N, C-alpha and C. Protein backbone atom coordinates (compact mmCIF):
# COMPACT_ATOMS: atom_id res chain seq x y z
N UNK A 1 -13.18 17.28 -15.73
CA UNK A 1 -11.96 18.06 -15.83
C UNK A 1 -11.71 18.47 -17.28
N UNK A 2 -12.02 17.57 -18.23
CA UNK A 2 -11.81 17.89 -19.64
C UNK A 2 -12.78 18.95 -20.14
N UNK A 3 -13.97 19.03 -19.56
CA UNK A 3 -14.98 19.98 -20.01
C UNK A 3 -14.79 21.38 -19.43
N UNK A 4 -13.88 21.52 -18.50
CA UNK A 4 -13.58 22.83 -17.93
C UNK A 4 -12.80 23.64 -18.96
N UNK A 5 -13.31 24.83 -19.35
CA UNK A 5 -12.63 25.62 -20.39
C UNK A 5 -11.19 26.00 -20.03
N UNK A 6 -10.87 26.05 -18.75
CA UNK A 6 -9.50 26.39 -18.35
C UNK A 6 -8.53 25.26 -18.64
N UNK A 7 -9.05 24.04 -18.82
CA UNK A 7 -8.20 22.86 -19.05
C UNK A 7 -8.12 22.57 -20.54
N UNK A 8 -7.11 23.12 -21.20
CA UNK A 8 -6.97 22.92 -22.64
C UNK A 8 -5.96 21.83 -22.98
N UNK A 9 -5.03 21.58 -22.10
CA UNK A 9 -3.98 20.59 -22.34
C UNK A 9 -4.42 19.24 -21.79
N UNK A 10 -4.69 18.28 -22.68
CA UNK A 10 -5.19 16.97 -22.29
C UNK A 10 -4.18 16.23 -21.42
N UNK A 11 -2.90 16.35 -21.74
CA UNK A 11 -1.86 15.68 -20.95
C UNK A 11 -1.88 16.21 -19.52
N UNK A 12 -1.99 17.52 -19.37
CA UNK A 12 -2.04 18.11 -18.03
C UNK A 12 -3.28 17.65 -17.27
N UNK A 13 -4.40 17.55 -17.97
CA UNK A 13 -5.64 17.09 -17.34
C UNK A 13 -5.48 15.66 -16.84
N UNK A 14 -4.87 14.80 -17.64
CA UNK A 14 -4.65 13.41 -17.24
C UNK A 14 -3.70 13.35 -16.04
N UNK A 15 -2.63 14.13 -16.08
CA UNK A 15 -1.68 14.15 -14.95
C UNK A 15 -2.39 14.65 -13.69
N UNK A 16 -3.19 15.69 -13.81
CA UNK A 16 -3.92 16.20 -12.65
C UNK A 16 -4.90 15.16 -12.12
N UNK A 17 -5.59 14.47 -13.02
CA UNK A 17 -6.54 13.44 -12.61
C UNK A 17 -5.85 12.37 -11.77
N UNK A 18 -4.69 11.93 -12.24
CA UNK A 18 -3.95 10.90 -11.51
C UNK A 18 -3.07 11.47 -10.41
N UNK A 19 -3.21 12.76 -10.12
CA UNK A 19 -2.50 13.37 -9.00
C UNK A 19 -3.29 13.26 -7.70
N UNK A 20 -4.49 12.75 -7.78
CA UNK A 20 -5.31 12.58 -6.58
C UNK A 20 -5.01 11.22 -5.95
N UNK A 21 -4.72 11.23 -4.67
CA UNK A 21 -4.48 9.98 -3.94
C UNK A 21 -5.71 9.07 -4.04
N UNK A 22 -6.88 9.68 -4.08
CA UNK A 22 -8.13 8.93 -4.22
C UNK A 22 -8.13 8.12 -5.51
N UNK A 23 -7.76 8.73 -6.61
CA UNK A 23 -7.76 8.05 -7.91
C UNK A 23 -6.69 6.96 -7.93
N UNK A 24 -5.50 7.28 -7.45
CA UNK A 24 -4.42 6.30 -7.42
C UNK A 24 -4.79 5.09 -6.55
N UNK A 25 -5.36 5.35 -5.38
CA UNK A 25 -5.71 4.26 -4.46
C UNK A 25 -6.87 3.43 -4.99
N UNK A 26 -7.86 4.07 -5.59
CA UNK A 26 -8.96 3.31 -6.17
C UNK A 26 -8.48 2.49 -7.37
N UNK A 27 -7.53 3.00 -8.13
CA UNK A 27 -6.93 2.23 -9.22
C UNK A 27 -6.20 1.01 -8.65
N UNK A 28 -5.49 1.21 -7.56
CA UNK A 28 -4.80 0.11 -6.89
C UNK A 28 -5.79 -0.93 -6.38
N UNK A 29 -6.90 -0.49 -5.81
CA UNK A 29 -7.95 -1.41 -5.34
C UNK A 29 -8.48 -2.22 -6.52
N UNK A 30 -8.74 -1.55 -7.64
CA UNK A 30 -9.24 -2.23 -8.83
C UNK A 30 -8.25 -3.29 -9.31
N UNK A 31 -6.97 -2.91 -9.40
CA UNK A 31 -5.93 -3.85 -9.85
C UNK A 31 -5.82 -5.02 -8.88
N UNK A 32 -5.91 -4.74 -7.59
CA UNK A 32 -5.84 -5.78 -6.56
C UNK A 32 -6.96 -6.80 -6.75
N UNK A 33 -8.20 -6.32 -6.80
CA UNK A 33 -9.33 -7.25 -6.94
C UNK A 33 -9.31 -7.97 -8.28
N UNK A 34 -8.90 -7.29 -9.34
CA UNK A 34 -8.80 -7.93 -10.65
C UNK A 34 -7.77 -9.05 -10.61
N UNK A 35 -6.63 -8.81 -9.97
CA UNK A 35 -5.60 -9.85 -9.85
C UNK A 35 -6.07 -11.01 -8.99
N UNK A 36 -6.80 -10.73 -7.93
CA UNK A 36 -7.35 -11.82 -7.12
C UNK A 36 -8.30 -12.67 -7.94
N UNK A 37 -9.08 -12.01 -8.76
CA UNK A 37 -10.05 -12.72 -9.59
C UNK A 37 -9.38 -13.56 -10.66
N UNK A 38 -8.33 -13.02 -11.26
CA UNK A 38 -7.72 -13.68 -12.42
C UNK A 38 -6.54 -14.59 -12.09
N UNK A 39 -5.92 -14.39 -10.93
CA UNK A 39 -4.74 -15.20 -10.62
C UNK A 39 -5.12 -16.44 -9.83
N UNK A 40 -4.21 -17.39 -9.88
CA UNK A 40 -4.43 -18.61 -9.10
C UNK A 40 -4.33 -18.28 -7.62
N UNK A 41 -5.09 -18.98 -6.82
CA UNK A 41 -5.09 -18.76 -5.37
C UNK A 41 -3.84 -19.38 -4.77
N UNK A 42 -2.77 -18.64 -4.82
CA UNK A 42 -1.48 -19.11 -4.32
C UNK A 42 -0.96 -18.11 -3.30
N UNK A 43 -0.64 -18.60 -2.12
CA UNK A 43 -0.11 -17.70 -1.10
C UNK A 43 1.23 -17.10 -1.50
N UNK A 44 1.89 -17.68 -2.50
CA UNK A 44 3.16 -17.15 -2.96
C UNK A 44 2.96 -15.93 -3.87
N UNK A 45 1.76 -15.79 -4.41
CA UNK A 45 1.46 -14.66 -5.29
C UNK A 45 1.43 -13.37 -4.48
N UNK A 46 2.02 -12.31 -5.03
CA UNK A 46 2.04 -11.01 -4.38
C UNK A 46 0.63 -10.56 -4.01
N UNK A 47 -0.31 -10.78 -4.91
CA UNK A 47 -1.67 -10.30 -4.71
C UNK A 47 -2.42 -11.10 -3.66
N UNK A 48 -1.99 -12.30 -3.35
CA UNK A 48 -2.66 -13.13 -2.35
C UNK A 48 -2.02 -13.04 -0.97
N UNK A 49 -0.94 -12.30 -0.85
CA UNK A 49 -0.30 -12.14 0.46
C UNK A 49 -1.18 -11.27 1.35
N UNK A 50 -1.33 -11.63 2.62
CA UNK A 50 -2.16 -10.81 3.52
C UNK A 50 -1.61 -9.40 3.71
N UNK A 51 -0.29 -9.25 3.59
CA UNK A 51 0.31 -7.92 3.71
C UNK A 51 -0.15 -7.01 2.57
N UNK A 52 -0.23 -7.56 1.37
CA UNK A 52 -0.67 -6.77 0.21
C UNK A 52 -2.11 -6.31 0.41
N UNK A 53 -2.98 -7.24 0.75
CA UNK A 53 -4.39 -6.89 0.95
C UNK A 53 -4.60 -5.92 2.09
N UNK A 54 -3.82 -6.07 3.14
CA UNK A 54 -3.96 -5.17 4.29
C UNK A 54 -3.46 -3.77 3.95
N UNK A 55 -2.33 -3.68 3.27
CA UNK A 55 -1.80 -2.37 2.88
C UNK A 55 -2.80 -1.64 1.98
N UNK A 56 -3.35 -2.33 1.00
CA UNK A 56 -4.31 -1.70 0.09
C UNK A 56 -5.57 -1.30 0.85
N UNK A 57 -5.98 -2.10 1.79
CA UNK A 57 -7.14 -1.75 2.62
C UNK A 57 -6.85 -0.49 3.43
N UNK A 58 -5.67 -0.39 3.98
CA UNK A 58 -5.28 0.81 4.74
C UNK A 58 -5.33 2.03 3.82
N UNK A 59 -4.76 1.92 2.62
CA UNK A 59 -4.74 3.07 1.71
C UNK A 59 -6.16 3.57 1.42
N UNK A 60 -7.04 2.65 1.11
CA UNK A 60 -8.39 3.07 0.72
C UNK A 60 -9.21 3.52 1.94
N UNK A 61 -8.91 2.97 3.10
CA UNK A 61 -9.58 3.45 4.31
C UNK A 61 -9.19 4.89 4.61
N UNK A 62 -7.92 5.21 4.41
CA UNK A 62 -7.49 6.59 4.63
C UNK A 62 -8.19 7.52 3.63
N UNK A 63 -8.38 7.07 2.40
CA UNK A 63 -9.13 7.85 1.42
C UNK A 63 -10.52 8.19 1.98
N UNK A 64 -11.21 7.18 2.48
CA UNK A 64 -12.54 7.39 3.03
C UNK A 64 -12.54 8.26 4.27
N UNK A 65 -11.60 8.03 5.16
CA UNK A 65 -11.53 8.80 6.41
C UNK A 65 -11.24 10.28 6.14
N UNK A 66 -10.23 10.55 5.33
CA UNK A 66 -9.86 11.94 5.03
C UNK A 66 -11.00 12.65 4.29
N UNK A 67 -11.63 11.93 3.37
CA UNK A 67 -12.73 12.54 2.64
C UNK A 67 -13.88 12.92 3.59
N UNK A 68 -14.31 11.95 4.38
CA UNK A 68 -15.48 12.21 5.23
C UNK A 68 -15.16 13.14 6.41
N UNK A 69 -13.93 13.14 6.87
CA UNK A 69 -13.56 14.00 8.00
C UNK A 69 -13.26 15.43 7.57
N UNK A 70 -12.70 15.60 6.38
CA UNK A 70 -12.22 16.93 5.98
C UNK A 70 -12.84 17.41 4.66
N UNK A 71 -12.68 16.63 3.62
CA UNK A 71 -12.96 17.11 2.27
C UNK A 71 -14.44 17.21 1.93
N UNK A 72 -15.27 16.36 2.50
CA UNK A 72 -16.70 16.37 2.13
C UNK A 72 -17.39 17.67 2.51
N UNK A 73 -16.85 18.39 3.48
CA UNK A 73 -17.45 19.66 3.87
C UNK A 73 -17.05 20.80 2.93
N UNK A 74 -16.09 20.55 2.05
CA UNK A 74 -15.58 21.61 1.19
C UNK A 74 -16.28 21.72 -0.15
N UNK A 75 -17.03 20.69 -0.53
CA UNK A 75 -17.75 20.76 -1.81
C UNK A 75 -19.00 19.89 -1.74
N UNK A 76 -19.90 20.16 -2.67
CA UNK A 76 -21.17 19.45 -2.69
C UNK A 76 -21.48 19.01 -4.12
N UNK A 77 -20.94 17.86 -4.53
CA UNK A 77 -21.17 17.42 -5.91
C UNK A 77 -22.64 17.05 -6.14
N UNK A 78 -23.08 17.24 -7.37
CA UNK A 78 -24.47 16.95 -7.72
C UNK A 78 -24.52 15.95 -8.87
N UNK A 79 -25.66 15.28 -8.99
CA UNK A 79 -25.87 14.36 -10.12
C UNK A 79 -24.90 13.21 -10.13
N UNK A 80 -24.38 12.94 -11.33
CA UNK A 80 -23.43 11.83 -11.48
C UNK A 80 -22.16 12.06 -10.67
N UNK A 81 -21.77 13.30 -10.51
CA UNK A 81 -20.57 13.60 -9.71
C UNK A 81 -20.76 13.15 -8.27
N UNK A 82 -21.98 13.27 -7.75
CA UNK A 82 -22.28 12.82 -6.38
C UNK A 82 -22.04 11.31 -6.27
N UNK A 83 -22.58 10.56 -7.25
CA UNK A 83 -22.44 9.10 -7.21
C UNK A 83 -20.99 8.66 -7.42
N UNK A 84 -20.30 9.32 -8.32
CA UNK A 84 -18.88 9.00 -8.53
C UNK A 84 -18.07 9.31 -7.27
N UNK A 85 -18.37 10.45 -6.67
CA UNK A 85 -17.68 10.87 -5.45
C UNK A 85 -17.85 9.84 -4.34
N UNK A 86 -19.06 9.40 -4.12
CA UNK A 86 -19.31 8.43 -3.06
C UNK A 86 -18.86 7.01 -3.43
N UNK A 87 -18.84 6.72 -4.71
CA UNK A 87 -18.28 5.44 -5.13
C UNK A 87 -16.81 5.34 -4.78
N UNK A 88 -16.08 6.42 -5.05
CA UNK A 88 -14.64 6.45 -4.79
C UNK A 88 -14.29 6.59 -3.32
N UNK A 89 -15.10 7.37 -2.58
CA UNK A 89 -14.76 7.70 -1.19
C UNK A 89 -15.52 6.90 -0.14
N UNK A 90 -16.60 6.26 -0.52
CA UNK A 90 -17.42 5.52 0.45
C UNK A 90 -17.53 4.04 0.09
N UNK A 91 -18.04 3.76 -1.12
CA UNK A 91 -18.28 2.37 -1.50
C UNK A 91 -16.99 1.57 -1.57
N UNK A 92 -15.98 2.12 -2.20
CA UNK A 92 -14.71 1.40 -2.35
C UNK A 92 -14.06 1.09 -0.99
N UNK A 93 -13.99 2.06 -0.06
CA UNK A 93 -13.45 1.72 1.26
C UNK A 93 -14.30 0.67 2.00
N UNK A 94 -15.63 0.78 1.89
CA UNK A 94 -16.50 -0.20 2.57
C UNK A 94 -16.30 -1.58 1.97
N UNK A 95 -16.31 -1.69 0.65
CA UNK A 95 -16.09 -2.97 -0.01
C UNK A 95 -14.76 -3.57 0.40
N UNK A 96 -13.72 -2.74 0.43
CA UNK A 96 -12.38 -3.23 0.77
C UNK A 96 -12.30 -3.73 2.21
N UNK A 97 -12.88 -3.00 3.15
CA UNK A 97 -12.79 -3.44 4.55
C UNK A 97 -13.65 -4.68 4.77
N UNK A 98 -14.78 -4.79 4.09
CA UNK A 98 -15.60 -6.00 4.23
C UNK A 98 -14.84 -7.21 3.70
N UNK A 99 -14.20 -7.06 2.53
CA UNK A 99 -13.41 -8.16 1.98
C UNK A 99 -12.28 -8.51 2.95
N UNK A 100 -11.61 -7.48 3.47
CA UNK A 100 -10.50 -7.71 4.39
C UNK A 100 -10.98 -8.47 5.62
N UNK A 101 -12.10 -8.08 6.20
CA UNK A 101 -12.63 -8.74 7.40
C UNK A 101 -12.97 -10.20 7.10
N UNK A 102 -13.61 -10.44 5.97
CA UNK A 102 -14.07 -11.79 5.65
C UNK A 102 -12.95 -12.73 5.25
N UNK A 103 -11.92 -12.22 4.58
CA UNK A 103 -10.91 -13.12 4.03
C UNK A 103 -9.49 -12.84 4.50
N UNK A 104 -9.02 -11.64 4.36
CA UNK A 104 -7.62 -11.33 4.63
C UNK A 104 -7.30 -11.35 6.11
N UNK A 105 -8.21 -10.88 6.94
CA UNK A 105 -7.90 -10.69 8.36
C UNK A 105 -7.75 -11.99 9.13
N UNK A 106 -7.93 -13.11 8.50
CA UNK A 106 -7.78 -14.40 9.18
C UNK A 106 -6.35 -14.94 9.07
N UNK A 107 -5.49 -14.19 8.43
CA UNK A 107 -4.13 -14.65 8.18
C UNK A 107 -3.11 -13.78 8.88
N UNK A 108 -2.00 -14.37 9.25
CA UNK A 108 -0.93 -13.66 9.97
C UNK A 108 -0.27 -12.63 9.06
N UNK A 109 -0.01 -11.46 9.65
CA UNK A 109 0.64 -10.37 8.93
C UNK A 109 1.97 -10.07 9.62
N UNK A 110 3.00 -9.89 8.83
CA UNK A 110 4.32 -9.58 9.36
C UNK A 110 4.42 -8.08 9.63
N UNK A 111 4.61 -7.71 10.89
CA UNK A 111 4.70 -6.30 11.26
C UNK A 111 5.85 -5.57 10.56
N UNK A 112 6.93 -6.28 10.28
CA UNK A 112 8.09 -5.63 9.67
C UNK A 112 7.80 -5.15 8.25
N UNK A 113 6.66 -5.54 7.67
CA UNK A 113 6.31 -5.06 6.33
C UNK A 113 5.66 -3.67 6.38
N UNK A 114 5.20 -3.24 7.55
CA UNK A 114 4.47 -1.97 7.66
C UNK A 114 5.30 -0.77 7.18
N UNK A 115 6.57 -0.63 7.52
CA UNK A 115 7.31 0.53 6.99
C UNK A 115 7.29 0.61 5.45
N UNK A 116 7.28 -0.54 4.80
CA UNK A 116 7.22 -0.55 3.33
C UNK A 116 5.87 -0.02 2.84
N UNK A 117 4.81 -0.28 3.59
CA UNK A 117 3.48 0.21 3.20
C UNK A 117 3.43 1.73 3.22
N UNK A 118 4.24 2.34 4.08
CA UNK A 118 4.23 3.80 4.23
C UNK A 118 5.00 4.52 3.12
N UNK A 119 5.74 3.77 2.31
CA UNK A 119 6.50 4.39 1.22
C UNK A 119 5.56 5.05 0.22
N UNK A 120 4.50 4.36 -0.16
CA UNK A 120 3.55 4.90 -1.15
C UNK A 120 2.98 6.25 -0.71
N UNK A 121 2.38 6.37 0.47
CA UNK A 121 1.86 7.70 0.83
C UNK A 121 2.96 8.75 1.03
N UNK A 122 4.13 8.34 1.53
CA UNK A 122 5.22 9.30 1.72
C UNK A 122 5.71 9.83 0.37
N UNK A 123 5.88 8.94 -0.59
CA UNK A 123 6.30 9.37 -1.94
C UNK A 123 5.21 10.23 -2.57
N UNK A 124 3.96 9.88 -2.34
CA UNK A 124 2.86 10.69 -2.86
C UNK A 124 2.94 12.13 -2.34
N UNK A 125 3.15 12.29 -1.04
CA UNK A 125 3.24 13.64 -0.46
C UNK A 125 4.41 14.42 -1.06
N UNK A 126 5.56 13.78 -1.18
CA UNK A 126 6.74 14.45 -1.75
C UNK A 126 6.47 14.83 -3.20
N UNK A 127 5.93 13.90 -3.99
CA UNK A 127 5.61 14.17 -5.39
C UNK A 127 4.64 15.34 -5.51
N UNK A 128 3.60 15.35 -4.68
CA UNK A 128 2.58 16.40 -4.74
C UNK A 128 3.17 17.77 -4.45
N UNK A 129 4.03 17.85 -3.47
CA UNK A 129 4.66 19.13 -3.12
C UNK A 129 5.60 19.59 -4.23
N UNK A 130 6.41 18.67 -4.76
CA UNK A 130 7.36 19.04 -5.82
C UNK A 130 6.61 19.43 -7.10
N UNK A 131 5.68 18.61 -7.53
CA UNK A 131 4.93 18.91 -8.75
C UNK A 131 4.12 20.20 -8.58
N UNK A 132 3.50 20.37 -7.43
CA UNK A 132 2.73 21.58 -7.16
C UNK A 132 3.59 22.82 -7.21
N UNK A 133 4.83 22.69 -6.77
CA UNK A 133 5.75 23.83 -6.80
C UNK A 133 5.99 24.31 -8.23
N UNK A 134 6.00 23.37 -9.17
CA UNK A 134 6.23 23.74 -10.57
C UNK A 134 4.93 24.09 -11.31
N UNK A 135 3.85 23.39 -10.99
CA UNK A 135 2.60 23.59 -11.73
C UNK A 135 1.62 24.55 -11.05
N UNK A 136 1.78 24.72 -9.73
CA UNK A 136 0.82 25.53 -8.98
C UNK A 136 -0.44 24.76 -8.60
N UNK A 137 -0.51 23.48 -9.00
CA UNK A 137 -1.69 22.66 -8.71
C UNK A 137 -1.40 21.70 -7.56
N UNK A 138 -2.25 21.79 -6.54
CA UNK A 138 -2.19 20.88 -5.39
C UNK A 138 -3.58 20.26 -5.28
N UNK A 139 -3.68 18.93 -5.34
CA UNK A 139 -5.00 18.30 -5.39
C UNK A 139 -5.82 18.42 -4.10
N UNK A 140 -5.16 18.68 -2.99
CA UNK A 140 -5.89 18.74 -1.72
C UNK A 140 -5.54 20.04 -0.98
N UNK A 141 -6.54 20.64 -0.33
CA UNK A 141 -6.30 21.92 0.35
C UNK A 141 -5.30 21.82 1.51
N UNK A 142 -5.19 20.66 2.13
CA UNK A 142 -4.26 20.53 3.25
C UNK A 142 -2.81 20.38 2.79
N UNK A 143 -2.60 20.36 1.46
CA UNK A 143 -1.25 20.34 0.89
C UNK A 143 -0.98 21.55 0.00
N UNK A 144 -1.95 22.43 -0.15
CA UNK A 144 -1.90 23.52 -1.11
C UNK A 144 -0.98 24.66 -0.63
N UNK A 145 0.24 24.67 -1.16
CA UNK A 145 1.21 25.69 -0.76
C UNK A 145 0.87 27.07 -1.31
N UNK A 146 -0.14 27.15 -2.14
CA UNK A 146 -0.64 28.47 -2.57
C UNK A 146 -1.44 29.13 -1.45
N UNK A 147 -1.92 28.33 -0.50
CA UNK A 147 -2.80 28.85 0.55
C UNK A 147 -2.27 28.64 1.96
N UNK A 148 -1.39 27.66 2.13
CA UNK A 148 -0.83 27.38 3.46
C UNK A 148 0.69 27.33 3.36
N UNK A 149 1.34 27.38 4.50
CA UNK A 149 2.81 27.35 4.50
C UNK A 149 3.31 25.92 4.29
N UNK A 150 4.58 25.84 3.92
CA UNK A 150 5.22 24.53 3.77
C UNK A 150 5.17 23.77 5.09
N UNK A 151 5.41 24.48 6.18
CA UNK A 151 5.40 23.85 7.50
C UNK A 151 4.02 23.25 7.81
N UNK A 152 2.95 23.98 7.47
CA UNK A 152 1.60 23.44 7.68
C UNK A 152 1.36 22.21 6.81
N UNK A 153 1.76 22.28 5.53
CA UNK A 153 1.58 21.13 4.63
C UNK A 153 2.38 19.93 5.13
N UNK A 154 3.60 20.18 5.59
CA UNK A 154 4.44 19.11 6.13
C UNK A 154 3.79 18.50 7.38
N UNK A 155 3.30 19.34 8.26
CA UNK A 155 2.59 18.86 9.45
C UNK A 155 1.35 18.07 9.10
N UNK A 156 0.60 18.55 8.12
CA UNK A 156 -0.58 17.81 7.66
C UNK A 156 -0.20 16.45 7.09
N UNK A 157 0.90 16.43 6.33
CA UNK A 157 1.38 15.16 5.76
C UNK A 157 1.78 14.19 6.87
N UNK A 158 2.47 14.70 7.88
CA UNK A 158 2.86 13.84 9.01
C UNK A 158 1.64 13.31 9.75
N UNK A 159 0.63 14.15 9.91
CA UNK A 159 -0.59 13.73 10.58
C UNK A 159 -1.28 12.60 9.80
N UNK A 160 -1.35 12.76 8.49
CA UNK A 160 -1.97 11.71 7.67
C UNK A 160 -1.11 10.45 7.70
N UNK A 161 0.22 10.60 7.69
CA UNK A 161 1.09 9.41 7.80
C UNK A 161 0.90 8.70 9.14
N UNK A 162 0.62 9.45 10.18
CA UNK A 162 0.30 8.83 11.48
C UNK A 162 -0.99 8.02 11.39
N UNK A 163 -1.97 8.53 10.66
CA UNK A 163 -3.21 7.77 10.45
C UNK A 163 -2.90 6.48 9.70
N UNK A 164 -2.07 6.56 8.66
CA UNK A 164 -1.65 5.36 7.93
C UNK A 164 -0.98 4.36 8.88
N UNK A 165 -0.08 4.86 9.70
CA UNK A 165 0.65 4.00 10.63
C UNK A 165 -0.29 3.37 11.64
N UNK A 166 -1.16 4.16 12.22
CA UNK A 166 -2.12 3.65 13.21
C UNK A 166 -3.01 2.58 12.59
N UNK A 167 -3.56 2.84 11.42
CA UNK A 167 -4.41 1.84 10.77
C UNK A 167 -3.63 0.58 10.39
N UNK A 168 -2.41 0.77 9.92
CA UNK A 168 -1.57 -0.38 9.56
C UNK A 168 -1.31 -1.27 10.77
N UNK A 169 -0.94 -0.65 11.88
CA UNK A 169 -0.69 -1.41 13.10
C UNK A 169 -1.97 -2.05 13.63
N UNK A 170 -3.07 -1.31 13.57
CA UNK A 170 -4.34 -1.82 14.09
C UNK A 170 -4.84 -3.01 13.29
N UNK A 171 -4.85 -2.89 11.97
CA UNK A 171 -5.34 -4.00 11.15
C UNK A 171 -4.41 -5.21 11.26
N UNK A 172 -3.11 -4.96 11.33
CA UNK A 172 -2.17 -6.07 11.50
C UNK A 172 -2.40 -6.77 12.83
N UNK A 173 -2.59 -6.00 13.88
CA UNK A 173 -2.85 -6.56 15.20
C UNK A 173 -4.13 -7.41 15.18
N UNK A 174 -5.19 -6.88 14.61
CA UNK A 174 -6.47 -7.60 14.52
C UNK A 174 -6.29 -8.90 13.74
N UNK A 175 -5.62 -8.82 12.60
CA UNK A 175 -5.41 -10.01 11.77
C UNK A 175 -4.60 -11.06 12.52
N UNK A 176 -3.55 -10.63 13.20
CA UNK A 176 -2.72 -11.59 13.92
C UNK A 176 -3.47 -12.23 15.09
N UNK A 177 -4.31 -11.47 15.77
CA UNK A 177 -5.13 -12.04 16.85
C UNK A 177 -6.13 -13.04 16.27
N UNK A 178 -6.78 -12.68 15.18
CA UNK A 178 -7.75 -13.59 14.55
C UNK A 178 -7.06 -14.85 14.06
N UNK A 179 -5.89 -14.68 13.46
CA UNK A 179 -5.14 -15.83 12.96
C UNK A 179 -4.75 -16.76 14.10
N UNK A 180 -4.32 -16.16 15.21
CA UNK A 180 -3.92 -16.94 16.39
C UNK A 180 -5.11 -17.72 16.93
N UNK A 181 -6.28 -17.08 17.01
CA UNK A 181 -7.48 -17.76 17.49
C UNK A 181 -7.89 -18.90 16.58
N UNK A 182 -7.77 -18.68 15.28
CA UNK A 182 -8.13 -19.74 14.33
C UNK A 182 -7.18 -20.92 14.48
N UNK A 183 -5.88 -20.64 14.64
CA UNK A 183 -4.89 -21.72 14.81
C UNK A 183 -5.16 -22.46 16.11
N UNK A 184 -5.47 -21.74 17.17
CA UNK A 184 -5.78 -22.37 18.46
C UNK A 184 -7.03 -23.22 18.35
N UNK A 185 -8.03 -22.70 17.67
CA UNK A 185 -9.31 -23.42 17.52
C UNK A 185 -9.13 -24.69 16.69
N UNK A 186 -8.35 -24.61 15.62
CA UNK A 186 -8.15 -25.78 14.76
C UNK A 186 -7.24 -26.82 15.42
N UNK A 187 -6.40 -26.41 16.34
CA UNK A 187 -5.52 -27.36 17.04
C UNK A 187 -6.24 -28.08 18.18
N UNK A 188 -7.34 -27.52 18.64
CA UNK A 188 -8.09 -28.15 19.75
C UNK A 188 -8.95 -29.28 19.31
């Protein structure tokens, strides 16, 4: 982004870089795993709560799903860009779901926390539309009001929020079933 001659303002380039849900979610994944590595293994810690790990897993899974279902057909990165692209959109979601399956999914998740998980993507959509209105920059074509109507962008946002909701409910259900089986097995 910095090497593009059209991008002369470094602050704008940094803001645009962090305007991608992919970058924000991968940063969150990095912070999550770093905190797990550095913090004490305490269930009271925010980073060790199964709700935290499940929400972050949902976020990064949506990154992978949206990329592979929609965005990957729109561009063809080459060289290092190819590897960076797949690191952010493929490797990170796979690593996160594997970790979730092996460790997080064995613990009970409170369903009432799911609406809170949806705040991040909802705020992201609102921020993207508002900032795009002033800057003309929309990081994703399904939100780009320069090319589609507000109603289409709103509908696309709702569709993606439904994916977040479905994955949140699904992973929570799986975790609670696994947790229940483990408790039943250990009580026998």
